[in-house]
């Protein structure tokens, strides 16, 4: 089954996300991963939010396309902390 969104597509969260305390409604993020389809053919997508420097697994029912494709290097992540860093 074809996926609803493609890698690096910019998506917007359209509803409250259960089990995630951050308010993601109307925030834009970039698709950086996707699950295999479930029995109903729906997927979860790994969506990265630069402003939070976090990636969350979100159901496709919560997302809408913004009509843009980002670049892999656009995803900003937290720097790794190394032993001895303060």
PDB file of N, CA and C in Angstrom:
ATOM      1  N   UNK A   1       0.841  -1.186   0.000  1.00  0.00           N
ATOM      2  CA  UNK A   1       0.000   0.000   0.000  1.00  0.00           C
ATOM      3  C   UNK A   1       0.885   1.248   0.000  1.00  0.00           C
ATOM      4  N   UNK A   2       0.502   2.217  -0.767  1.00  0.00           N
ATOM      5  CA  UNK A   2       1.262   3.462  -0.869  1.00  0.00           C
ATOM      6  C   UNK A   2       1.086   4.301   0.400  1.00  0.00           C
ATOM      7  N   UNK A   3       2.143   4.994   0.792  1.00  0.00           N
ATOM      8  CA  UNK A   3       2.072   5.818   1.992  1.00  0.00           C
ATOM      9  C   UNK A   3       1.391   7.158   1.678  1.00  0.00           C
ATOM     10  N   UNK A   4       0.736   7.710   2.696  1.00  0.00           N
ATOM     11  CA  UNK A   4       0.034   8.988   2.550  1.00  0.00           C
ATOM     12  C   UNK A   4       1.020  10.145   2.412  1.00  0.00           C
ATOM     13  N   UNK A   5       2.150  10.045   3.105  1.00  0.00           N
ATOM     14  CA  UNK A   5       3.181  11.081   3.086  1.00  0.00           C
ATOM     15  C   UNK A   5       4.501  10.462   2.652  1.00  0.00           C
ATOM     16  N   UNK A   6       5.407  11.281   2.149  1.00  0.00           N
ATOM     17  CA  UNK A   6       6.713  10.785   1.747  1.00  0.00           C
ATOM     18  C   UNK A   6       7.793  11.315   2.687  1.00  0.00           C
ATOM     19  N   UNK A   7       8.954  10.682   2.612  1.00  0.00           N
ATOM     20  CA  UNK A   7      10.067  11.134   3.449  1.00  0.00           C
ATOM     21  C   UNK A   7      10.375  12.599   3.165  1.00  0.00           C
ATOM     22  N   UNK A   8      10.634  13.343   4.234  1.00  0.00           N
ATOM     23  CA  UNK A   8      11.011  14.761   4.221  1.00  0.00           C
ATOM     24  C   UNK A   8       9.848  15.696   3.860  1.00  0.00           C
ATOM     25  N   UNK A   9       8.640  15.141   3.740  1.00  0.00           N
ATOM     26  CA  UNK A   9       7.479  15.995   3.491  1.00  0.00           C
ATOM     27  C   UNK A   9       7.170  16.799   4.754  1.00  0.00           C
ATOM     28  N   UNK A  10       6.791  18.053   4.568  1.00  0.00           N
ATOM     29  CA  UNK A  10       6.409  18.909   5.691  1.00  0.00           C
ATOM     30  C   UNK A  10       4.918  18.686   5.954  1.00  0.00           C
ATOM     31  N   UNK A  11       4.619  18.363   7.213  1.00  0.00           N
ATOM     32  CA  UNK A  11       3.239  18.089   7.615  1.00  0.00           C
ATOM     33  C   UNK A  11       2.861  18.969   8.801  1.00  0.00           C
ATOM     34  N   UNK A  12       1.567  19.144   8.990  1.00  0.00           N
ATOM     35  CA  UNK A  12       1.042  19.924  10.115  1.00  0.00           C
ATOM     36  C   UNK A  12       0.181  19.005  10.982  1.00  0.00           C
ATOM     37  N   UNK A  13       0.321  19.125  12.290  1.00  0.00           N
ATOM     38  CA  UNK A  13      -0.496  18.355  13.227  1.00  0.00           C
ATOM     39  C   UNK A  13      -1.855  19.043  13.341  1.00  0.00           C
ATOM     40  N   UNK A  14      -2.918  18.275  13.108  1.00  0.00           N
ATOM     41  CA  UNK A  14      -4.262  18.846  13.033  1.00  0.00           C
ATOM     42  C   UNK A  14      -5.121  18.581  14.275  1.00  0.00           C
ATOM     43  N   UNK A  15      -4.643  17.752  15.201  1.00  0.00           N
ATOM     44  CA  UNK A  15      -5.439  17.423  16.393  1.00  0.00           C
ATOM     45  C   UNK A  15      -4.508  17.116  17.552  1.00  0.00           C
ATOM     46  N   UNK A  16      -5.070  17.139  18.760  1.00  0.00           N
ATOM     47  CA  UNK A  16      -4.290  16.822  19.962  1.00  0.00           C
ATOM     48  C   UNK A  16      -3.755  15.403  19.846  1.00  0.00           C
ATOM     49  N   UNK A  17      -2.522  15.245  20.256  1.00  0.00           N
ATOM     50  CA  UNK A  17      -1.864  13.942  20.169  1.00  0.00           C
ATOM     51  C   UNK A  17      -1.950  13.251  21.534  1.00  0.00           C
ATOM     52  N   UNK A  18      -2.623  12.105  21.592  1.00  0.00           N
ATOM     53  CA  UNK A  18      -2.705  11.387  22.868  1.00  0.00           C
ATOM     54  C   UNK A  18      -1.319  10.984  23.368  1.00  0.00           C
ATOM     55  N   UNK A  19      -1.132  10.986  24.656  1.00  0.00           N
ATOM     56  CA  UNK A  19       0.087  10.522  25.332  1.00  0.00           C
ATOM     57  C   UNK A  19       1.318  11.395  25.107  1.00  0.00           C
ATOM     58  N   UNK A  20       1.166  12.559  24.482  1.00  0.00           N
ATOM     59  CA  UNK A  20       2.305  13.479  24.315  1.00  0.00           C
ATOM     60  C   UNK A  20       1.932  14.789  24.982  1.00  0.00           C
ATOM     61  N   UNK A  21       2.732  15.211  25.946  1.00  0.00           N
ATOM     62  CA  UNK A  21       2.350  16.389  26.731  1.00  0.00           C
ATOM     63  C   UNK A  21       2.582  17.708  25.999  1.00  0.00           C
ATOM     64  N   UNK A  22       3.497  17.736  25.034  1.00  0.00           N
ATOM     65  CA  UNK A  22       3.721  18.960  24.275  1.00  0.00           C
ATOM     66  C   UNK A  22       2.497  19.262  23.413  1.00  0.00           C
ATOM     67  N   UNK A  23       2.183  20.548  23.292  1.00  0.00           N
ATOM     68  CA  UNK A  23       1.076  20.961  22.431  1.00  0.00           C
ATOM     69  C   UNK A  23       1.594  21.033  21.002  1.00  0.00           C
ATOM     70  N   UNK A  24       1.210  20.056  20.195  1.00  0.00           N
ATOM     71  CA  UNK A  24       1.706  19.982  18.821  1.00  0.00           C
ATOM     72  C   UNK A  24       0.692  20.492  17.798  1.00  0.00           C
ATOM     73  N   UNK A  25      -0.523  20.822  18.240  1.00  0.00           N
ATOM     74  CA  UNK A  25      -1.560  21.238  17.294  1.00  0.00           C
ATOM     75  C   UNK A  25      -1.082  22.447  16.487  1.00  0.00           C
ATOM     76  N   UNK A  26      -1.219  22.348  15.178  1.00  0.00           N
ATOM     77  CA  UNK A  26      -0.853  23.361  14.180  1.00  0.00           C
ATOM     78  C   UNK A  26       0.652  23.559  14.017  1.00  0.00           C
ATOM     79  N   UNK A  27       1.457  22.744  14.685  1.00  0.00           N
ATOM     80  CA  UNK A  27       2.905  22.832  14.479  1.00  0.00           C
ATOM     81  C   UNK A  27       3.275  22.050  13.218  1.00  0.00           C
ATOM     82  N   UNK A  28       4.285  22.558  12.514  1.00  0.00           N
ATOM     83  CA  UNK A  28       4.780  21.894  11.314  1.00  0.00           C
ATOM     84  C   UNK A  28       6.027  21.095  11.645  1.00  0.00           C
ATOM     85  N   UNK A  29       6.125  19.917  11.042  1.00  0.00           N
ATOM     86  CA  UNK A  29       7.288  19.073  11.216  1.00  0.00           C
ATOM     87  C   UNK A  29       7.597  18.356   9.916  1.00  0.00           C
ATOM     88  N   UNK A  30       8.685  17.605   9.921  1.00  0.00           N
ATOM     89  CA  UNK A  30       9.139  16.911   8.716  1.00  0.00           C
ATOM     90  C   UNK A  30       9.096  15.403   8.948  1.00  0.00           C
ATOM     91  N   UNK A  31       8.556  14.676   7.978  1.00  0.00           N
ATOM     92  CA  UNK A  31       8.490  13.215   8.054  1.00  0.00           C
ATOM     93  C   UNK A  31       9.904  12.661   7.895  1.00  0.00           C
ATOM     94  N   UNK A  32      10.356  11.914   8.912  1.00  0.00           N
ATOM     95  CA  UNK A  32      11.696  11.330   8.869  1.00  0.00           C
ATOM     96  C   UNK A  32      11.661   9.808   8.997  1.00  0.00           C
ATOM     97  N   UNK A  33      10.456   9.254   9.102  1.00  0.00           N
ATOM     98  CA  UNK A  33      10.318   7.808   9.192  1.00  0.00           C
ATOM     99  C   UNK A  33       8.865   7.404   9.060  1.00  0.00           C
ATOM    100  N   UNK A  34       8.640   6.125   8.799  1.00  0.00           N
ATOM    101  CA  UNK A  34       7.265   5.624   8.712  1.00  0.00           C
ATOM    102  C   UNK A  34       7.227   4.149   9.065  1.00  0.00           C
ATOM    103  N   UNK A  35       6.094   3.742   9.649  1.00  0.00           N
ATOM    104  CA  UNK A  35       5.902   2.352  10.015  1.00  0.00           C
ATOM    105  C   UNK A  35       5.354   1.567   8.826  1.00  0.00           C
ATOM    106  N   UNK A  36       5.335   0.265   8.967  1.00  0.00           N
ATOM    107  CA  UNK A  36       4.597  -0.561   8.018  1.00  0.00           C
ATOM    108  C   UNK A  36       3.115  -0.290   8.238  1.00  0.00           C
ATOM    109  N   UNK A  37       2.284  -0.474   7.218  1.00  0.00           N
ATOM    110  CA  UNK A  37       0.854  -0.253   7.409  1.00  0.00           C
ATOM    111  C   UNK A  37       0.258  -1.272   8.371  1.00  0.00           C
ATOM    112  N   UNK A  38      -0.747  -0.825   9.147  1.00  0.00           N
ATOM    113  CA  UNK A  38      -1.450  -1.733  10.040  1.00  0.00           C
ATOM    114  C   UNK A  38      -2.513  -2.512   9.256  1.00  0.00           C
ATOM    115  N   UNK A  39      -3.369  -3.253   9.943  1.00  0.00           N
ATOM    116  CA  UNK A  39      -4.387  -4.075   9.274  1.00  0.00           C
ATOM    117  C   UNK A  39      -5.356  -3.231   8.451  1.00  0.00           C
ATOM    118  N   UNK A  40      -5.545  -1.971   8.841  1.00  0.00           N
ATOM    119  CA  UNK A  40      -6.440  -1.065   8.106  1.00  0.00           C
ATOM    120  C   UNK A  40      -5.707  -0.292   7.008  1.00  0.00           C
ATOM    121  N   UNK A  41      -4.403  -0.538   6.875  1.00  0.00           N
ATOM    122  CA  UNK A  41      -3.622   0.151   5.851  1.00  0.00           C
ATOM    123  C   UNK A  41      -3.082   1.500   6.280  1.00  0.00           C
ATOM    124  N   UNK A  42      -3.259   1.864   7.552  1.00  0.00           N
ATOM    125  CA  UNK A  42      -2.773   3.166   8.046  1.00  0.00           C
ATOM    126  C   UNK A  42      -1.384   3.016   8.647  1.00  0.00           C
ATOM    127  N   UNK A  43      -0.635   4.102   8.619  1.00  0.00           N
ATOM    128  CA  UNK A  43       0.733   4.117   9.141  1.00  0.00           C
ATOM    129  C   UNK A  43       0.884   5.152  10.253  1.00  0.00           C
ATOM    130  N   UNK A  44       1.925   4.950  11.053  1.00  0.00           N
ATOM    131  CA  UNK A  44       2.441   5.989  11.928  1.00  0.00           C
ATOM    132  C   UNK A  44       3.646   6.577  11.220  1.00  0.00           C
ATOM    133  N   UNK A  45       3.870   7.876  11.444  1.00  0.00           N
ATOM    134  CA  UNK A  45       4.992   8.569  10.821  1.00  0.00           C
ATOM    135  C   UNK A  45       5.877   9.172  11.895  1.00  0.00           C
ATOM    136  N   UNK A  46       7.185   9.062  11.719  1.00  0.00           N
ATOM    137  CA  UNK A  46       8.128   9.766  12.567  1.00  0.00           C
ATOM    138  C   UNK A  46       8.201  11.198  12.058  1.00  0.00           C
ATOM    139  N   UNK A  47       7.744  12.135  12.889  1.00  0.00           N
ATOM    140  CA  UNK A  47       7.710  13.546  12.492  1.00  0.00           C
ATOM    141  C   UNK A  47       8.653  14.322  13.398  1.00  0.00           C
ATOM    142  N   UNK A  48       9.613  14.993  12.772  1.00  0.00           N
ATOM    143  CA  UNK A  48      10.610  15.776  13.512  1.00  0.00           C
ATOM    144  C   UNK A  48      10.184  17.240  13.559  1.00  0.00           C
ATOM    145  N   UNK A  49      10.235  17.819  14.771  1.00  0.00           N
ATOM    146  CA  UNK A  49       9.889  19.225  14.995  1.00  0.00           C
ATOM    147  C   UNK A  49      11.153  19.970  15.401  1.00  0.00           C
ATOM    148  N   UNK A  50      11.660  20.815  14.506  1.00  0.00           N
ATOM    149  CA  UNK A  50      12.908  21.532  14.768  1.00  0.00           C
ATOM    150  C   UNK A  50      12.828  22.386  16.030  1.00  0.00           C
ATOM    151  N   UNK A  51      11.719  23.104  16.200  1.00  0.00           N
ATOM    152  CA  UNK A  51      11.644  24.020  17.348  1.00  0.00           C
ATOM    153  C   UNK A  51      11.692  23.280  18.681  1.00  0.00           C
ATOM    154  N   UNK A  52      11.292  22.007  18.696  1.00  0.00           N
ATOM    155  CA  UNK A  52      11.356  21.201  19.913  1.00  0.00           C
ATOM    156  C   UNK A  52      12.594  20.317  19.954  1.00  0.00           C
ATOM    157  N   UNK A  53      13.272  20.183  18.794  1.00  0.00           N
ATOM    158  CA  UNK A  53      14.399  19.268  18.634  1.00  0.00           C
ATOM    159  C   UNK A  53      14.008  17.862  19.085  1.00  0.00           C
ATOM    160  N   UNK A  54      12.782  17.443  18.689  1.00  0.00           N
ATOM    161  CA  UNK A  54      12.232  16.140  19.057  1.00  0.00           C
ATOM    162  C   UNK A  54      11.573  15.504  17.840  1.00  0.00           C
ATOM    163  N   UNK A  55      11.506  14.191  17.851  1.00  0.00           N
ATOM    164  CA  UNK A  55      10.795  13.427  16.839  1.00  0.00           C
ATOM    165  C   UNK A  55       9.762  12.563  17.547  1.00  0.00           C
ATOM    166  N   UNK A  56       8.535  12.562  17.020  1.00  0.00           N
ATOM    167  CA  UNK A  56       7.444  11.796  17.607  1.00  0.00           C
ATOM    168  C   UNK A  56       6.834  10.876  16.561  1.00  0.00           C
ATOM    169  N   UNK A  57       6.329   9.706  16.993  1.00  0.00           N
ATOM    170  CA  UNK A  57       5.571   8.806  16.124  1.00  0.00           C
ATOM    171  C   UNK A  57       4.109   9.237  16.190  1.00  0.00           C
ATOM    172  N   UNK A  58       3.561   9.663  15.042  1.00  0.00           N
ATOM    173  CA  UNK A  58       2.198  10.185  14.996  1.00  0.00           C
ATOM    174  C   UNK A  58       1.382   9.441  13.950  1.00  0.00           C
ATOM    175  N   UNK A  59       0.125   9.195  14.278  1.00  0.00           N
ATOM    176  CA  UNK A  59      -0.790   8.535  13.361  1.00  0.00           C
ATOM    177  C   UNK A  59      -1.081   9.433  12.163  1.00  0.00           C
ATOM    178  N   UNK A  60      -1.208   8.847  10.991  1.00  0.00           N
ATOM    179  CA  UNK A  60      -1.492   9.644   9.795  1.00  0.00           C
ATOM    180  C   UNK A  60      -2.808  10.398   9.905  1.00  0.00           C
ATOM    181  N   UNK A  61      -3.733   9.922  10.736  1.00  0.00           N
ATOM    182  CA  UNK A  61      -5.013  10.617  10.926  1.00  0.00           C
ATOM    183  C   UNK A  61      -4.861  11.984  11.581  1.00  0.00           C
ATOM    184  N   UNK A  62      -3.738  12.216  12.246  1.00  0.00           N
ATOM    185  CA  UNK A  62      -3.493  13.482  12.943  1.00  0.00           C
ATOM    186  C   UNK A  62      -2.775  14.503  12.071  1.00  0.00           C
ATOM    187  N   UNK A  63      -2.365  14.101  10.860  1.00  0.00           N
ATOM    188  CA  UNK A  63      -1.473  14.923  10.044  1.00  0.00           C
ATOM    189  C   UNK A  63      -2.117  15.367   8.735  1.00  0.00           C
ATOM    190  N   UNK A  64      -1.665  16.535   8.255  1.00  0.00           N
ATOM    191  CA  UNK A  64      -2.056  17.037   6.934  1.00  0.00           C
ATOM    192  C   UNK A  64      -0.801  17.555   6.242  1.00  0.00           C
ATOM    193  N   UNK A  65      -0.727  17.352   4.940  1.00  0.00           N
ATOM    194  CA  UNK A  65       0.417  17.816   4.169  1.00  0.00           C
ATOM    195  C   UNK A  65       0.394  19.336   4.046  1.00  0.00           C
ATOM    196  N   UNK A  66       1.572  19.939   4.095  1.00  0.00           N
ATOM    197  CA  UNK A  66       1.706  21.378   3.850  1.00  0.00           C
ATOM    198  C   UNK A  66       2.066  21.642   2.388  1.00  0.00           C
ATOM    199  N   UNK A  67       2.239  20.575   1.607  1.00  0.00           N
ATOM    200  CA  UNK A  67       2.540  20.727   0.186  1.00  0.00           C
ATOM    201  C   UNK A  67       3.987  21.073  -0.117  1.00  0.00           C
ATOM    202  N   UNK A  68       4.882  20.802   0.852  1.00  0.00           N
ATOM    203  CA  UNK A  68       6.294  21.107   0.651  1.00  0.00           C
ATOM    204  C   UNK A  68       7.142  19.898   1.037  1.00  0.00           C
ATOM    205  N   UNK A  69       8.296  19.795   0.431  1.00  0.00           N
ATOM    206  CA  UNK A  69       9.269  18.757   0.776  1.00  0.00           C
ATOM    207  C   UNK A  69      10.519  19.446   1.312  1.00  0.00           C
ATOM    208  N   UNK A  70      10.978  18.979   2.467  1.00  0.00           N
ATOM    209  CA  UNK A  70      12.195  19.526   3.056  1.00  0.00           C
ATOM    210  C   UNK A  70      13.413  18.739   2.584  1.00  0.00           C
ATOM    211  N   UNK A  71      14.526  19.002   3.217  1.00  0.00           N
ATOM    212  CA  UNK A  71      15.768  18.283   2.935  1.00  0.00           C
ATOM    213  C   UNK A  71      16.210  17.584   4.212  1.00  0.00           C
ATOM    214  N   UNK A  72      16.875  16.476   4.044  1.00  0.00           N
ATOM    215  CA  UNK A  72      17.322  15.706   5.208  1.00  0.00           C
ATOM    216  C   UNK A  72      18.097  16.581   6.189  1.00  0.00           C
ATOM    217  N   UNK A  73      18.954  17.429   5.657  1.00  0.00           N
ATOM    218  CA  UNK A  73      19.791  18.262   6.531  1.00  0.00           C
ATOM    219  C   UNK A  73      18.994  19.356   7.253  1.00  0.00           C
ATOM    220  N   UNK A  74      17.722  19.526   6.891  1.00  0.00           N
ATOM    221  CA  UNK A  74      16.882  20.507   7.580  1.00  0.00           C
ATOM    222  C   UNK A  74      16.474  20.047   8.977  1.00  0.00           C
ATOM    223  N   UNK A  75      16.574  18.765   9.251  1.00  0.00           N
ATOM    224  CA  UNK A  75      16.201  18.237  10.567  1.00  0.00           C
ATOM    225  C   UNK A  75      17.319  18.524  11.557  1.00  0.00           C
ATOM    226  N   UNK A  76      17.041  19.356  12.518  1.00  0.00           N
ATOM    227  CA  UNK A  76      18.013  19.721  13.549  1.00  0.00           C
ATOM    228  C   UNK A  76      17.761  18.845  14.766  1.00  0.00           C
ATOM    229  N   UNK A  77      18.797  18.236  15.283  1.00  0.00           N
ATOM    230  CA  UNK A  77      18.649  17.374  16.447  1.00  0.00           C
ATOM    231  C   UNK A  77      19.467  17.919  17.597  1.00  0.00           C
ATOM    232  N   UNK A  78      19.183  17.383  18.747  1.00  0.00           N
ATOM    233  CA  UNK A  78      19.963  17.775  19.925  1.00  0.00           C
ATOM    234  C   UNK A  78      21.389  17.272  19.782  1.00  0.00           C
ATOM    235  N   UNK A  79      22.348  18.082  20.200  1.00  0.00           N
ATOM    236  CA  UNK A  79      23.729  17.588  20.170  1.00  0.00           C
ATOM    237  C   UNK A  79      23.889  16.448  21.176  1.00  0.00           C
ATOM    238  N   UNK A  80      24.728  15.483  20.850  1.00  0.00           N
ATOM    239  CA  UNK A  80      24.992  14.394  21.778  1.00  0.00           C
ATOM    240  C   UNK A  80      25.772  14.920  22.968  1.00  0.00           C
ATOM    241  N   UNK A  81      25.381  14.469  24.150  1.00  0.00           N
ATOM    242  CA  UNK A  81      26.140  14.829  25.342  1.00  0.00           C
ATOM    243  C   UNK A  81      27.148  13.724  25.601  1.00  0.00           C
ATOM    244  N   UNK A  82      28.352  14.119  25.827  1.00  0.00           N
ATOM    245  CA  UNK A  82      29.402  13.138  26.077  1.00  0.00           C
ATOM    246  C   UNK A  82      29.779  13.129  27.543  1.00  0.00           C
ATOM    247  N   UNK A  83      30.282  12.024  27.959  1.00  0.00           N
ATOM    248  CA  UNK A  83      30.708  11.888  29.344  1.00  0.00           C
ATOM    249  C   UNK A  83      31.686  13.014  29.672  1.00  0.00           C
ATOM    250  N   UNK A  84      31.434  13.689  30.775  1.00  0.00           N
ATOM    251  CA  UNK A  84      32.294  14.789  31.176  1.00  0.00           C
ATOM    252  C   UNK A  84      31.764  16.150  30.753  1.00  0.00           C
ATOM    253  N   UNK A  85      30.775  16.190  29.808  1.00  0.00           N
ATOM    254  CA  UNK A  85      30.157  17.458  29.427  1.00  0.00           C
ATOM    255  C   UNK A  85      29.306  17.951  30.584  1.00  0.00           C
ATOM    256  N   UNK A  86      29.263  19.260  30.756  1.00  0.00           N
ATOM    257  CA  UNK A  86      28.420  19.786  31.827  1.00  0.00           C
ATOM    258  C   UNK A  86      27.147  20.359  31.290  1.00  0.00           C
TER     259      UNK A  86
END
